[in-house]
């Protein structure tokens, strides 16, 4: 019986292999969006972990192309700095008329109306 080797790539190694310069949080989103059971992102170690049979680079290329061509509208939450595909994630905006300054629902739920007003509305008045 053969054993399946577990592979690990650091964020730096993934960036080099796929010729991008993504930060850890964006790689976490890409791994999450892939929804592949044998593929995980270890945020503490900033590593991508997968079973040897998972074609990680080929899968990642598809998502990178989708991010670059606008298929996925990836924005960073203005509160927690996590990345989200706003086509599939719920949230609110600091500039709703331009769909800018995305705030994810967990952060929006924690934010008071006063905090939102002071941070996003008061500056434009």
PDB file of N, CA and C in Angstrom:
ATOM      1  N   UNK A   1       0.837  -1.179   0.000  1.00  0.00           N
ATOM      2  CA  UNK A   1       0.000   0.000   0.000  1.00  0.00           C
ATOM      3  C   UNK A   1       0.884   1.246   0.000  1.00  0.00           C
ATOM      4  N   UNK A   2       0.547   2.192  -0.854  1.00  0.00           N
ATOM      5  CA  UNK A   2       1.326   3.417  -0.938  1.00  0.00           C
ATOM      6  C   UNK A   2       0.753   4.451   0.022  1.00  0.00           C
ATOM      7  N   UNK A   3       1.643   5.281   0.541  1.00  0.00           N
ATOM      8  CA  UNK A   3       1.187   6.372   1.384  1.00  0.00           C
ATOM      9  C   UNK A   3       1.193   7.658   0.558  1.00  0.00           C
ATOM     10  N   UNK A   4       0.262   8.506   0.864  1.00  0.00           N
ATOM     11  CA  UNK A   4       0.160   9.780   0.161  1.00  0.00           C
ATOM     12  C   UNK A   4       0.956  10.820   0.932  1.00  0.00           C
ATOM     13  N   UNK A   5       1.848  11.457   0.230  1.00  0.00           N
ATOM     14  CA  UNK A   5       2.715  12.449   0.847  1.00  0.00           C
ATOM     15  C   UNK A   5       1.973  13.774   1.016  1.00  0.00           C
ATOM     16  N   UNK A   6       2.124  14.354   2.187  1.00  0.00           N
ATOM     17  CA  UNK A   6       1.536  15.665   2.435  1.00  0.00           C
ATOM     18  C   UNK A   6       2.525  16.734   1.987  1.00  0.00           C
ATOM     19  N   UNK A   7       2.027  17.685   1.207  1.00  0.00           N
ATOM     20  CA  UNK A   7       2.845  18.773   0.686  1.00  0.00           C
ATOM     21  C   UNK A   7       2.559  20.044   1.474  1.00  0.00           C
ATOM     22  N   UNK A   8       3.563  20.882   1.583  1.00  0.00           N
ATOM     23  CA  UNK A   8       3.411  22.169   2.267  1.00  0.00           C
ATOM     24  C   UNK A   8       4.131  23.235   1.456  1.00  0.00           C
ATOM     25  N   UNK A   9       3.450  24.340   1.244  1.00  0.00           N
ATOM     26  CA  UNK A   9       4.051  25.492   0.587  1.00  0.00           C
ATOM     27  C   UNK A   9       3.888  26.708   1.494  1.00  0.00           C
ATOM     28  N   UNK A  10       4.946  27.449   1.674  1.00  0.00           N
ATOM     29  CA  UNK A  10       4.808  28.721   2.376  1.00  0.00           C
ATOM     30  C   UNK A  10       4.174  29.718   1.411  1.00  0.00           C
ATOM     31  N   UNK A  11       3.705  30.820   1.931  1.00  0.00           N
ATOM     32  CA  UNK A  11       3.142  31.872   1.086  1.00  0.00           C
ATOM     33  C   UNK A  11       4.190  32.336   0.082  1.00  0.00           C
ATOM     34  N   UNK A  12       5.409  32.498   0.521  1.00  0.00           N
ATOM     35  CA  UNK A  12       6.495  32.925  -0.365  1.00  0.00           C
ATOM     36  C   UNK A  12       6.717  31.919  -1.483  1.00  0.00           C
ATOM     37  N   UNK A  13       6.727  30.634  -1.147  1.00  0.00           N
ATOM     38  CA  UNK A  13       6.917  29.596  -2.167  1.00  0.00           C
ATOM     39  C   UNK A  13       5.760  29.565  -3.157  1.00  0.00           C
ATOM     40  N   UNK A  14       4.540  29.731  -2.662  1.00  0.00           N
ATOM     41  CA  UNK A  14       3.371  29.765  -3.546  1.00  0.00           C
ATOM     42  C   UNK A  14       3.447  30.966  -4.478  1.00  0.00           C
ATOM     43  N   UNK A  15       3.827  32.111  -3.943  1.00  0.00           N
ATOM     44  CA  UNK A  15       3.980  33.320  -4.771  1.00  0.00           C
ATOM     45  C   UNK A  15       5.012  33.101  -5.869  1.00  0.00           C
ATOM     46  N   UNK A  16       6.134  32.507  -5.518  1.00  0.00           N
ATOM     47  CA  UNK A  16       7.187  32.257  -6.503  1.00  0.00           C
ATOM     48  C   UNK A  16       6.733  31.244  -7.548  1.00  0.00           C
ATOM     49  N   UNK A  17       6.102  30.174  -7.116  1.00  0.00           N
ATOM     50  CA  UNK A  17       5.666  29.123  -8.034  1.00  0.00           C
ATOM     51  C   UNK A  17       4.620  29.619  -9.023  1.00  0.00           C
ATOM     52  N   UNK A  18       3.769  30.543  -8.573  1.00  0.00           N
ATOM     53  CA  UNK A  18       2.678  31.017  -9.415  1.00  0.00           C
ATOM     54  C   UNK A  18       2.891  32.439  -9.932  1.00  0.00           C
ATOM     55  N   UNK A  19       4.069  32.975  -9.680  1.00  0.00           N
ATOM     56  CA  UNK A  19       4.483  34.283 -10.175  1.00  0.00           C
ATOM     57  C   UNK A  19       3.496  35.403  -9.827  1.00  0.00           C
ATOM     58  N   UNK A  20       3.140  35.453  -8.538  1.00  0.00           N
ATOM     59  CA  UNK A  20       2.289  36.515  -8.002  1.00  0.00           C
ATOM     60  C   UNK A  20       2.949  37.034  -6.736  1.00  0.00           C
ATOM     61  N   UNK A  21       2.367  38.060  -6.173  1.00  0.00           N
ATOM     62  CA  UNK A  21       2.873  38.592  -4.909  1.00  0.00           C
ATOM     63  C   UNK A  21       1.681  38.836  -3.987  1.00  0.00           C
ATOM     64  N   UNK A  22       1.026  37.741  -3.576  1.00  0.00           N
ATOM     65  CA  UNK A  22      -0.149  37.822  -2.722  1.00  0.00           C
ATOM     66  C   UNK A  22       0.252  37.684  -1.269  1.00  0.00           C
ATOM     67  N   UNK A  23      -0.463  38.404  -0.430  1.00  0.00           N
ATOM     68  CA  UNK A  23      -0.210  38.274   0.993  1.00  0.00           C
ATOM     69  C   UNK A  23      -0.966  37.064   1.540  1.00  0.00           C
ATOM     70  N   UNK A  24      -0.647  36.730   2.755  1.00  0.00           N
ATOM     71  CA  UNK A  24      -1.190  35.555   3.423  1.00  0.00           C
ATOM     72  C   UNK A  24      -2.714  35.494   3.387  1.00  0.00           C
ATOM     73  N   UNK A  25      -3.370  36.599   3.683  1.00  0.00           N
ATOM     74  CA  UNK A  25      -4.826  36.628   3.729  1.00  0.00           C
ATOM     75  C   UNK A  25      -5.480  36.309   2.398  1.00  0.00           C
ATOM     76  N   UNK A  26      -4.863  36.730   1.311  1.00  0.00           N
ATOM     77  CA  UNK A  26      -5.410  36.434  -0.003  1.00  0.00           C
ATOM     78  C   UNK A  26      -5.245  34.951  -0.333  1.00  0.00           C
ATOM     79  N   UNK A  27      -4.126  34.365   0.076  1.00  0.00           N
ATOM     80  CA  UNK A  27      -3.960  32.919  -0.115  1.00  0.00           C
ATOM     81  C   UNK A  27      -4.980  32.148   0.711  1.00  0.00           C
ATOM     82  N   UNK A  28      -5.274  32.638   1.897  1.00  0.00           N
ATOM     83  CA  UNK A  28      -6.292  31.985   2.727  1.00  0.00           C
ATOM     84  C   UNK A  28      -7.637  31.978   1.999  1.00  0.00           C
ATOM     85  N   UNK A  29      -7.986  33.094   1.362  1.00  0.00           N
ATOM     86  CA  UNK A  29      -9.238  33.166   0.608  1.00  0.00           C
ATOM     87  C   UNK A  29      -9.214  32.207  -0.580  1.00  0.00           C
ATOM     88  N   UNK A  30      -8.127  32.183  -1.321  1.00  0.00           N
ATOM     89  CA  UNK A  30      -8.030  31.299  -2.486  1.00  0.00           C
ATOM     90  C   UNK A  30      -8.222  29.847  -2.066  1.00  0.00           C
ATOM     91  N   UNK A  31      -7.547  29.437  -1.011  1.00  0.00           N
ATOM     92  CA  UNK A  31      -7.693  28.059  -0.518  1.00  0.00           C
ATOM     93  C   UNK A  31      -9.132  27.804  -0.093  1.00  0.00           C
ATOM     94  N   UNK A  32      -9.736  28.756   0.578  1.00  0.00           N
ATOM     95  CA  UNK A  32     -11.130  28.612   1.014  1.00  0.00           C
ATOM     96  C   UNK A  32     -12.064  28.498  -0.193  1.00  0.00           C
ATOM     97  N   UNK A  33     -11.863  29.344  -1.203  1.00  0.00           N
ATOM     98  CA  UNK A  33     -12.720  29.330  -2.377  1.00  0.00           C
ATOM     99  C   UNK A  33     -12.566  28.033  -3.183  1.00  0.00           C
ATOM    100  N   UNK A  34     -11.398  27.425  -3.139  1.00  0.00           N
ATOM    101  CA  UNK A  34     -11.197  26.159  -3.845  1.00  0.00           C
ATOM    102  C   UNK A  34     -12.094  25.057  -3.276  1.00  0.00           C
ATOM    103  N   UNK A  35     -12.358  25.145  -1.975  1.00  0.00           N
ATOM    104  CA  UNK A  35     -13.246  24.182  -1.298  1.00  0.00           C
ATOM    105  C   UNK A  35     -12.850  22.738  -1.592  1.00  0.00           C
ATOM    106  N   UNK A  36     -11.581  22.475  -1.515  1.00  0.00           N
ATOM    107  CA  UNK A  36     -11.041  21.139  -1.750  1.00  0.00           C
ATOM    108  C   UNK A  36     -10.748  20.520  -0.384  1.00  0.00           C
ATOM    109  N   UNK A  37     -11.351  19.402  -0.037  1.00  0.00           N
ATOM    110  CA  UNK A  37     -11.218  18.852   1.328  1.00  0.00           C
ATOM    111  C   UNK A  37      -9.779  18.568   1.769  1.00  0.00           C
ATOM    112  N   UNK A  38      -8.931  18.204   0.843  1.00  0.00           N
ATOM    113  CA  UNK A  38      -7.550  17.857   1.194  1.00  0.00           C
ATOM    114  C   UNK A  38      -6.601  19.043   1.069  1.00  0.00           C
ATOM    115  N   UNK A  39      -7.156  20.245   1.098  1.00  0.00           N
ATOM    116  CA  UNK A  39      -6.370  21.468   0.941  1.00  0.00           C
ATOM    117  C   UNK A  39      -6.749  22.436   2.049  1.00  0.00           C
ATOM    118  N   UNK A  40      -5.766  22.863   2.841  1.00  0.00           N
ATOM    119  CA  UNK A  40      -6.034  23.779   3.948  1.00  0.00           C
ATOM    120  C   UNK A  40      -4.988  24.893   3.975  1.00  0.00           C
ATOM    121  N   UNK A  41      -5.341  25.942   4.683  1.00  0.00           N
ATOM    122  CA  UNK A  41      -4.403  27.042   4.897  1.00  0.00           C
ATOM    123  C   UNK A  41      -4.170  27.162   6.390  1.00  0.00           C
ATOM    124  N   UNK A  42      -2.910  27.125   6.797  1.00  0.00           N
ATOM    125  CA  UNK A  42      -2.540  27.283   8.198  1.00  0.00           C
ATOM    126  C   UNK A  42      -2.115  28.736   8.396  1.00  0.00           C
ATOM    127  N   UNK A  43      -3.018  29.520   8.974  1.00  0.00           N
ATOM    128  CA  UNK A  43      -2.769  30.953   9.127  1.00  0.00           C
ATOM    129  C   UNK A  43      -1.603  31.250  10.067  1.00  0.00           C
ATOM    130  N   UNK A  44      -1.450  30.443  11.103  1.00  0.00           N
ATOM    131  CA  UNK A  44      -0.368  30.691  12.066  1.00  0.00           C
ATOM    132  C   UNK A  44       0.997  30.499  11.418  1.00  0.00           C
ATOM    133  N   UNK A  45       1.127  29.478  10.595  1.00  0.00           N
ATOM    134  CA  UNK A  45       2.407  29.190   9.936  1.00  0.00           C
ATOM    135  C   UNK A  45       2.495  29.819   8.548  1.00  0.00           C
ATOM    136  N   UNK A  46       1.373  30.417   8.100  1.00  0.00           N
ATOM    137  CA  UNK A  46       1.294  30.987   6.758  1.00  0.00           C
ATOM    138  C   UNK A  46       1.735  29.989   5.699  1.00  0.00           C
ATOM    139  N   UNK A  47       1.109  28.801   5.771  1.00  0.00           N
ATOM    140  CA  UNK A  47       1.431  27.739   4.823  1.00  0.00           C
ATOM    141  C   UNK A  47       0.161  27.137   4.229  1.00  0.00           C
ATOM    142  N   UNK A  48       0.316  26.638   3.028  1.00  0.00           N
ATOM    143  CA  UNK A  48      -0.744  25.915   2.328  1.00  0.00           C
ATOM    144  C   UNK A  48      -0.378  24.443   2.443  1.00  0.00           C
ATOM    145  N   UNK A  49      -1.315  23.649   2.931  1.00  0.00           N
ATOM    146  CA  UNK A  49      -1.064  22.226   3.176  1.00  0.00           C
ATOM    147  C   UNK A  49      -2.041  21.423   2.324  1.00  0.00           C
ATOM    148  N   UNK A  50      -1.514  20.434   1.598  1.00  0.00           N
ATOM    149  CA  UNK A  50      -2.365  19.616   0.744  1.00  0.00           C
ATOM    150  C   UNK A  50      -1.757  18.240   0.537  1.00  0.00           C
ATOM    151  N   UNK A  51      -2.625  17.294   0.195  1.00  0.00           N
ATOM    152  CA  UNK A  51      -2.185  15.942  -0.116  1.00  0.00           C
ATOM    153  C   UNK A  51      -1.498  15.955  -1.480  1.00  0.00           C
ATOM    154  N   UNK A  52      -0.515  15.074  -1.658  1.00  0.00           N
ATOM    155  CA  UNK A  52       0.293  15.054  -2.876  1.00  0.00           C
ATOM    156  C   UNK A  52      -0.485  14.902  -4.166  1.00  0.00           C
ATOM    157  N   UNK A  53      -1.648  14.294  -4.113  1.00  0.00           N
ATOM    158  CA  UNK A  53      -2.430  14.093  -5.332  1.00  0.00           C
ATOM    159  C   UNK A  53      -3.243  15.327  -5.742  1.00  0.00           C
ATOM    160  N   UNK A  54      -3.299  16.342  -4.897  1.00  0.00           N
ATOM    161  CA  UNK A  54      -4.069  17.547  -5.198  1.00  0.00           C
ATOM    162  C   UNK A  54      -3.252  18.432  -6.153  1.00  0.00           C
ATOM    163  N   UNK A  55      -3.814  18.746  -7.321  1.00  0.00           N
ATOM    164  CA  UNK A  55      -3.070  19.588  -8.281  1.00  0.00           C
ATOM    165  C   UNK A  55      -3.154  21.065  -7.881  1.00  0.00           C
ATOM    166  N   UNK A  56      -2.511  21.399  -6.784  1.00  0.00           N
ATOM    167  CA  UNK A  56      -2.661  22.733  -6.205  1.00  0.00           C
ATOM    168  C   UNK A  56      -2.332  23.850  -7.186  1.00  0.00           C
ATOM    169  N   UNK A  57      -1.197  23.769  -7.847  1.00  0.00           N
ATOM    170  CA  UNK A  57      -0.797  24.882  -8.724  1.00  0.00           C
ATOM    171  C   UNK A  57      -1.783  25.093  -9.864  1.00  0.00           C
ATOM    172  N   UNK A  58      -2.288  24.025 -10.447  1.00  0.00           N
ATOM    173  CA  UNK A  58      -3.248  24.145 -11.534  1.00  0.00           C
ATOM    174  C   UNK A  58      -4.557  24.766 -11.034  1.00  0.00           C
ATOM    175  N   UNK A  59      -5.012  24.319  -9.874  1.00  0.00           N
ATOM    176  CA  UNK A  59      -6.228  24.878  -9.294  1.00  0.00           C
ATOM    177  C   UNK A  59      -6.040  26.352  -8.936  1.00  0.00           C
ATOM    178  N   UNK A  60      -4.909  26.662  -8.336  1.00  0.00           N
ATOM    179  CA  UNK A  60      -4.635  28.037  -7.930  1.00  0.00           C
ATOM    180  C   UNK A  60      -4.564  28.968  -9.136  1.00  0.00           C
ATOM    181  N   UNK A  61      -4.000  28.492 -10.246  1.00  0.00           N
ATOM    182  CA  UNK A  61      -3.901  29.321 -11.457  1.00  0.00           C
ATOM    183  C   UNK A  61      -5.281  29.768 -11.918  1.00  0.00           C
ATOM    184  N   UNK A  62      -6.258  28.872 -11.862  1.00  0.00           N
ATOM    185  CA  UNK A  62      -7.618  29.217 -12.285  1.00  0.00           C
ATOM    186  C   UNK A  62      -8.184  30.352 -11.426  1.00  0.00           C
ATOM    187  N   UNK A  63      -7.959  30.281 -10.112  1.00  0.00           N
ATOM    188  CA  UNK A  63      -8.470  31.320  -9.212  1.00  0.00           C
ATOM    189  C   UNK A  63      -7.721  32.625  -9.405  1.00  0.00           C
ATOM    190  N   UNK A  64      -6.425  32.549  -9.623  1.00  0.00           N
ATOM    191  CA  UNK A  64      -5.623  33.752  -9.856  1.00  0.00           C
ATOM    192  C   UNK A  64      -6.091  34.451 -11.128  1.00  0.00           C
ATOM    193  N   UNK A  65      -6.327  33.687 -12.177  1.00  0.00           N
ATOM    194  CA  UNK A  65      -6.841  34.265 -13.426  1.00  0.00           C
ATOM    195  C   UNK A  65      -8.190  34.926 -13.168  1.00  0.00           C
ATOM    196  N   UNK A  66      -9.057  34.260 -12.410  1.00  0.00           N
ATOM    197  CA  UNK A  66     -10.376  34.805 -12.094  1.00  0.00           C
ATOM    198  C   UNK A  66     -10.301  36.088 -11.286  1.00  0.00           C
ATOM    199  N   UNK A  67      -9.349  36.167 -10.383  1.00  0.00           N
ATOM    200  CA  UNK A  67      -9.158  37.397  -9.597  1.00  0.00           C
ATOM    201  C   UNK A  67      -8.657  38.514 -10.511  1.00  0.00           C
ATOM    202  N   UNK A  68      -7.692  38.184 -11.359  1.00  0.00           N
ATOM    203  CA  UNK A  68      -7.104  39.197 -12.238  1.00  0.00           C
ATOM    204  C   UNK A  68      -8.059  39.696 -13.322  1.00  0.00           C
ATOM    205  N   UNK A  69      -8.939  38.815 -13.808  1.00  0.00           N
ATOM    206  CA  UNK A  69      -9.841  39.251 -14.881  1.00  0.00           C
ATOM    207  C   UNK A  69     -11.184  39.767 -14.369  1.00  0.00           C
ATOM    208  N   UNK A  70     -11.359  39.802 -13.050  1.00  0.00           N
ATOM    209  CA  UNK A  70     -12.567  40.359 -12.471  1.00  0.00           C
ATOM    210  C   UNK A  70     -13.707  39.376 -12.290  1.00  0.00           C
ATOM    211  N   UNK A  71     -13.491  38.109 -12.606  1.00  0.00           N
ATOM    212  CA  UNK A  71     -14.522  37.102 -12.367  1.00  0.00           C
ATOM    213  C   UNK A  71     -14.877  37.068 -10.887  1.00  0.00           C
ATOM    214  N   UNK A  72     -13.852  37.186 -10.063  1.00  0.00           N
ATOM    215  CA  UNK A  72     -14.035  37.263  -8.609  1.00  0.00           C
ATOM    216  C   UNK A  72     -13.675  38.678  -8.187  1.00  0.00           C
ATOM    217  N   UNK A  73     -14.579  39.327  -7.491  1.00  0.00           N
ATOM    218  CA  UNK A  73     -14.339  40.686  -7.017  1.00  0.00           C
ATOM    219  C   UNK A  73     -13.853  40.581  -5.579  1.00  0.00           C
ATOM    220  N   UNK A  74     -12.564  40.498  -5.428  1.00  0.00           N
ATOM    221  CA  UNK A  74     -11.957  40.304  -4.116  1.00  0.00           C
ATOM    222  C   UNK A  74     -11.666  41.649  -3.483  1.00  0.00           C
ATOM    223  N   UNK A  75     -12.198  41.817  -2.275  1.00  0.00           N
ATOM    224  CA  UNK A  75     -11.940  43.036  -1.517  1.00  0.00           C
ATOM    225  C   UNK A  75     -11.573  42.655  -0.085  1.00  0.00           C
ATOM    226  N   UNK A  76     -10.831  43.518   0.526  1.00  0.00           N
ATOM    227  CA  UNK A  76     -10.393  43.321   1.902  1.00  0.00           C
ATOM    228  C   UNK A  76     -11.345  44.045   2.840  1.00  0.00           C
ATOM    229  N   UNK A  77     -11.725  43.374   3.924  1.00  0.00           N
ATOM    230  CA  UNK A  77     -12.578  44.007   4.930  1.00  0.00           C
ATOM    231  C   UNK A  77     -11.800  45.157   5.569  1.00  0.00           C
ATOM    232  N   UNK A  78     -12.444  46.298   5.671  1.00  0.00           N
ATOM    233  CA  UNK A  78     -11.813  47.481   6.230  1.00  0.00           C
ATOM    234  C   UNK A  78     -11.632  47.402   7.742  1.00  0.00           C
ATOM    235  N   UNK A  79     -12.223  46.381   8.352  1.00  0.00           N
ATOM    236  CA  UNK A  79     -12.120  46.243   9.797  1.00  0.00           C
ATOM    237  C   UNK A  79     -11.146  45.134  10.205  1.00  0.00           C
ATOM    238  N   UNK A  80     -11.334  43.935   9.679  1.00  0.00           N
ATOM    239  CA  UNK A  80     -10.508  42.789  10.114  1.00  0.00           C
ATOM    240  C   UNK A  80      -9.384  42.446   9.142  1.00  0.00           C
ATOM    241  N   UNK A  81      -9.367  43.068   7.970  1.00  0.00           N
ATOM    242  CA  UNK A  81      -8.351  42.875   6.933  1.00  0.00           C
ATOM    243  C   UNK A  81      -8.407  41.530   6.223  1.00  0.00           C
ATOM    244  N   UNK A  82      -9.414  40.698   6.500  1.00  0.00           N
ATOM    245  CA  UNK A  82      -9.573  39.439   5.774  1.00  0.00           C
ATOM    246  C   UNK A  82     -10.069  39.750   4.366  1.00  0.00           C
ATOM    247  N   UNK A  83      -9.810  38.828   3.442  1.00  0.00           N
ATOM    248  CA  UNK A  83     -10.242  39.007   2.063  1.00  0.00           C
ATOM    249  C   UNK A  83     -11.536  38.244   1.812  1.00  0.00           C
ATOM    250  N   UNK A  84     -12.373  38.805   0.920  1.00  0.00           N
ATOM    251  CA  UNK A  84     -13.653  38.201   0.576  1.00  0.00           C
ATOM    252  C   UNK A  84     -13.925  38.389  -0.904  1.00  0.00           C
ATOM    253  N   UNK A  85     -14.597  37.415  -1.503  1.00  0.00           N
ATOM    254  CA  UNK A  85     -15.147  37.583  -2.842  1.00  0.00           C
ATOM    255  C   UNK A  85     -16.519  38.196  -2.608  1.00  0.00           C
ATOM    256  N   UNK A  86     -16.658  39.462  -2.908  1.00  0.00           N
ATOM    257  CA  UNK A  86     -17.901  40.142  -2.554  1.00  0.00           C
ATOM    258  C   UNK A  86     -19.081  39.687  -3.413  1.00  0.00           C
ATOM    259  N   UNK A  87     -18.822  38.876  -4.439  1.00  0.00           N
ATOM    260  CA  UNK A  87     -19.922  38.291  -5.204  1.00  0.00           C
ATOM    261  C   UNK A  87     -20.626  37.201  -4.402  1.00  0.00           C
ATOM    262  N   UNK A  88     -19.922  36.633  -3.425  1.00  0.00           N
ATOM    263  CA  UNK A  88     -20.499  35.539  -2.637  1.00  0.00           C
ATOM    264  C   UNK A  88     -20.578  35.853  -1.148  1.00  0.00           C
ATOM    265  N   UNK A  89     -19.885  36.880  -0.691  1.00  0.00           N
ATOM    266  CA  UNK A  89     -19.872  37.220   0.736  1.00  0.00           C
ATOM    267  C   UNK A  89     -20.863  38.339   1.017  1.00  0.00           C
ATOM    268  N   UNK A  90     -21.428  38.308   2.201  1.00  0.00           N
ATOM    269  CA  UNK A  90     -22.316  39.380   2.614  1.00  0.00           C
ATOM    270  C   UNK A  90     -21.516  40.428   3.374  1.00  0.00           C
ATOM    271  N   UNK A  91     -21.937  41.666   3.235  1.00  0.00           N
ATOM    272  CA  UNK A  91     -21.271  42.740   3.944  1.00  0.00           C
ATOM    273  C   UNK A  91     -21.937  44.070   3.651  1.00  0.00           C
ATOM    274  N   UNK A  92     -21.345  45.114   4.199  1.00  0.00           N
ATOM    275  CA  UNK A  92     -21.817  46.474   3.949  1.00  0.00           C
ATOM    276  C   UNK A  92     -20.630  47.275   3.426  1.00  0.00           C
ATOM    277  N   UNK A  93     -20.903  48.500   3.013  1.00  0.00           N
ATOM    278  CA  UNK A  93     -19.848  49.328   2.437  1.00  0.00           C
ATOM    279  C   UNK A  93     -19.770  50.675   3.138  1.00  0.00           C
ATOM    280  N   UNK A  94     -18.551  51.168   3.276  1.00  0.00           N
ATOM    281  CA  UNK A  94     -18.341  52.513   3.776  1.00  0.00           C
ATOM    282  C   UNK A  94     -18.705  53.548   2.729  1.00  0.00           C
ATOM    283  N   UNK A  95     -18.539  53.181   1.459  1.00  0.00           N
ATOM    284  CA  UNK A  95     -18.948  54.016   0.325  1.00  0.00           C
ATOM    285  C   UNK A  95     -19.899  53.172  -0.526  1.00  0.00           C
ATOM    286  N   UNK A  96     -21.160  53.075  -0.097  1.00  0.00           N
ATOM    287  CA  UNK A  96     -22.088  52.184  -0.801  1.00  0.00           C
ATOM    288  C   UNK A  96     -22.361  52.578  -2.254  1.00  0.00           C
ATOM    289  N   UNK A  97     -22.323  53.864  -2.557  1.00  0.00           N
ATOM    290  CA  UNK A  97     -22.590  54.290  -3.932  1.00  0.00           C
ATOM    291  C   UNK A  97     -21.518  53.817  -4.904  1.00  0.00           C
ATOM    292  N   UNK A  98     -20.297  53.553  -4.406  1.00  0.00           N
ATOM    293  CA  UNK A  98     -19.204  53.073  -5.255  1.00  0.00           C
ATOM    294  C   UNK A  98     -18.832  51.622  -4.973  1.00  0.00           C
ATOM    295  N   UNK A  99     -19.560  50.973  -4.070  1.00  0.00           N
ATOM    296  CA  UNK A  99     -19.233  49.607  -3.639  1.00  0.00           C
ATOM    297  C   UNK A  99     -17.770  49.510  -3.207  1.00  0.00           C
ATOM    298  N   UNK A 100     -17.356  50.463  -2.375  1.00  0.00           N
ATOM    299  CA  UNK A 100     -15.987  50.506  -1.870  1.00  0.00           C
ATOM    300  C   UNK A 100     -15.998  50.476  -0.343  1.00  0.00           C
ATOM    301  N   UNK A 101     -14.862  50.147   0.216  1.00  0.00           N
ATOM    302  CA  UNK A 101     -14.656  50.060   1.660  1.00  0.00           C
ATOM    303  C   UNK A 101     -15.574  48.999   2.277  1.00  0.00           C
ATOM    304  N   UNK A 102     -15.392  47.796   1.792  1.00  0.00           N
ATOM    305  CA  UNK A 102     -16.179  46.642   2.218  1.00  0.00           C
ATOM    306  C   UNK A 102     -15.944  46.319   3.691  1.00  0.00           C
ATOM    307  N   UNK A 103     -17.027  45.975   4.385  1.00  0.00           N
ATOM    308  CA  UNK A 103     -16.968  45.524   5.779  1.00  0.00           C
ATOM    309  C   UNK A 103     -17.742  44.214   5.839  1.00  0.00           C
ATOM    310  N   UNK A 104     -17.081  43.143   6.235  1.00  0.00           N
ATOM    311  CA  UNK A 104     -17.736  41.833   6.280  1.00  0.00           C
ATOM    312  C   UNK A 104     -18.837  41.811   7.344  1.00  0.00           C
ATOM    313  N   UNK A 105     -19.754  40.891   7.216  1.00  0.00           N
ATOM    314  CA  UNK A 105     -20.888  40.814   8.144  1.00  0.00           C
ATOM    315  C   UNK A 105     -20.444  40.600   9.593  1.00  0.00           C
ATOM    316  N   UNK A 106     -19.484  39.707   9.881  1.00  0.00           N
ATOM    317  CA  UNK A 106     -19.082  39.581  11.294  1.00  0.00           C
ATOM    318  C   UNK A 106     -18.592  40.909  11.882  1.00  0.00           C
ATOM    319  N   UNK A 107     -17.835  41.675  11.110  1.00  0.00           N
ATOM    320  CA  UNK A 107     -17.366  42.974  11.605  1.00  0.00           C
ATOM    321  C   UNK A 107     -18.505  43.980  11.658  1.00  0.00           C
ATOM    322  N   UNK A 108     -19.380  43.960  10.661  1.00  0.00           N
ATOM    323  CA  UNK A 108     -20.522  44.880  10.645  1.00  0.00           C
ATOM    324  C   UNK A 108     -21.429  44.619  11.841  1.00  0.00           C
ATOM    325  N   UNK A 109     -21.595  43.356  12.204  1.00  0.00           N
ATOM    326  CA  UNK A 109     -22.439  43.016  13.355  1.00  0.00           C
ATOM    327  C   UNK A 109     -21.863  43.554  14.661  1.00  0.00           C
ATOM    328  N   UNK A 110     -20.548  43.670  14.720  1.00  0.00           N
ATOM    329  CA  UNK A 110     -19.893  44.180  15.937  1.00  0.00           C
ATOM    330  C   UNK A 110     -19.858  45.710  15.976  1.00  0.00           C
ATOM    331  N   UNK A 111     -19.978  46.336  14.819  1.00  0.00           N
ATOM    332  CA  UNK A 111     -19.855  47.785  14.713  1.00  0.00           C
ATOM    333  C   UNK A 111     -21.169  48.467  15.133  1.00  0.00           C
ATOM    334  N   UNK A 112     -21.042  49.473  15.940  1.00  0.00           N
ATOM    335  CA  UNK A 112     -22.238  50.230  16.326  1.00  0.00           C
ATOM    336  C   UNK A 112     -22.568  51.230  15.227  1.00  0.00           C
ATOM    337  N   UNK A 113     -23.791  51.721  15.256  1.00  0.00           N
ATOM    338  CA  UNK A 113     -24.196  52.745  14.286  1.00  0.00           C
ATOM    339  C   UNK A 113     -23.323  53.986  14.432  1.00  0.00           C
ATOM    340  N   UNK A 114     -22.996  54.313  15.668  1.00  0.00           N
ATOM    341  CA  UNK A 114     -22.157  55.481  15.920  1.00  0.00           C
ATOM    342  C   UNK A 114     -20.764  55.299  15.298  1.00  0.00           C
ATOM    343  N   UNK A 115     -20.177  54.125  15.477  1.00  0.00           N
ATOM    344  CA  UNK A 115     -18.864  53.853  14.894  1.00  0.00           C
ATOM    345  C   UNK A 115     -18.910  53.960  13.373  1.00  0.00           C
ATOM    346  N   UNK A 116     -19.946  53.370  12.786  1.00  0.00           N
ATOM    347  CA  UNK A 116     -20.097  53.450  11.330  1.00  0.00           C
ATOM    348  C   UNK A 116     -20.219  54.908  10.895  1.00  0.00           C
ATOM    349  N   UNK A 117     -21.069  55.658  11.584  1.00  0.00           N
ATOM    350  CA  UNK A 117     -21.276  57.064  11.241  1.00  0.00           C
ATOM    351  C   UNK A 117     -19.964  57.845  11.333  1.00  0.00           C
ATOM    352  N   UNK A 118     -19.259  57.685  12.433  1.00  0.00           N
ATOM    353  CA  UNK A 118     -18.021  58.446  12.627  1.00  0.00           C
ATOM    354  C   UNK A 118     -16.952  58.064  11.609  1.00  0.00           C
ATOM    355  N   UNK A 119     -16.898  56.815  11.255  1.00  0.00           N
ATOM    356  CA  UNK A 119     -15.850  56.356  10.357  1.00  0.00           C
ATOM    357  C   UNK A 119     -16.159  56.614   8.882  1.00  0.00           C
ATOM    358  N   UNK A 120     -17.431  56.462   8.489  1.00  0.00           N
ATOM    359  CA  UNK A 120     -17.748  56.503   7.074  1.00  0.00           C
ATOM    360  C   UNK A 120     -18.670  57.648   6.636  1.00  0.00           C
ATOM    361  N   UNK A 121     -19.549  58.120   7.494  1.00  0.00           N
ATOM    362  CA  UNK A 121     -20.510  59.140   7.083  1.00  0.00           C
ATOM    363  C   UNK A 121     -20.023  60.538   7.434  1.00  0.00           C
ATOM    364  N   UNK A 122     -19.546  60.695   8.658  1.00  0.00           N
ATOM    365  CA  UNK A 122     -19.134  62.008   9.152  1.00  0.00           C
ATOM    366  C   UNK A 122     -18.055  62.627   8.274  1.00  0.00           C
ATOM    367  N   UNK A 123     -17.190  61.853   7.704  1.00  0.00           N
ATOM    368  CA  UNK A 123     -16.089  62.383   6.888  1.00  0.00           C
ATOM    369  C   UNK A 123     -16.577  63.048   5.597  1.00  0.00           C
ATOM    370  N   UNK A 124     -17.790  62.670   5.149  1.00  0.00           N
ATOM    371  CA  UNK A 124     -18.294  63.212   3.891  1.00  0.00           C
ATOM    372  C   UNK A 124     -19.250  64.376   4.103  1.00  0.00           C
ATOM    373  N   UNK A 125     -19.613  64.643   5.340  1.00  0.00           N
ATOM    374  CA  UNK A 125     -20.589  65.697   5.637  1.00  0.00           C
ATOM    375  C   UNK A 125     -19.891  67.046   5.677  1.00  0.00           C
TER     376      UNK A 125
END
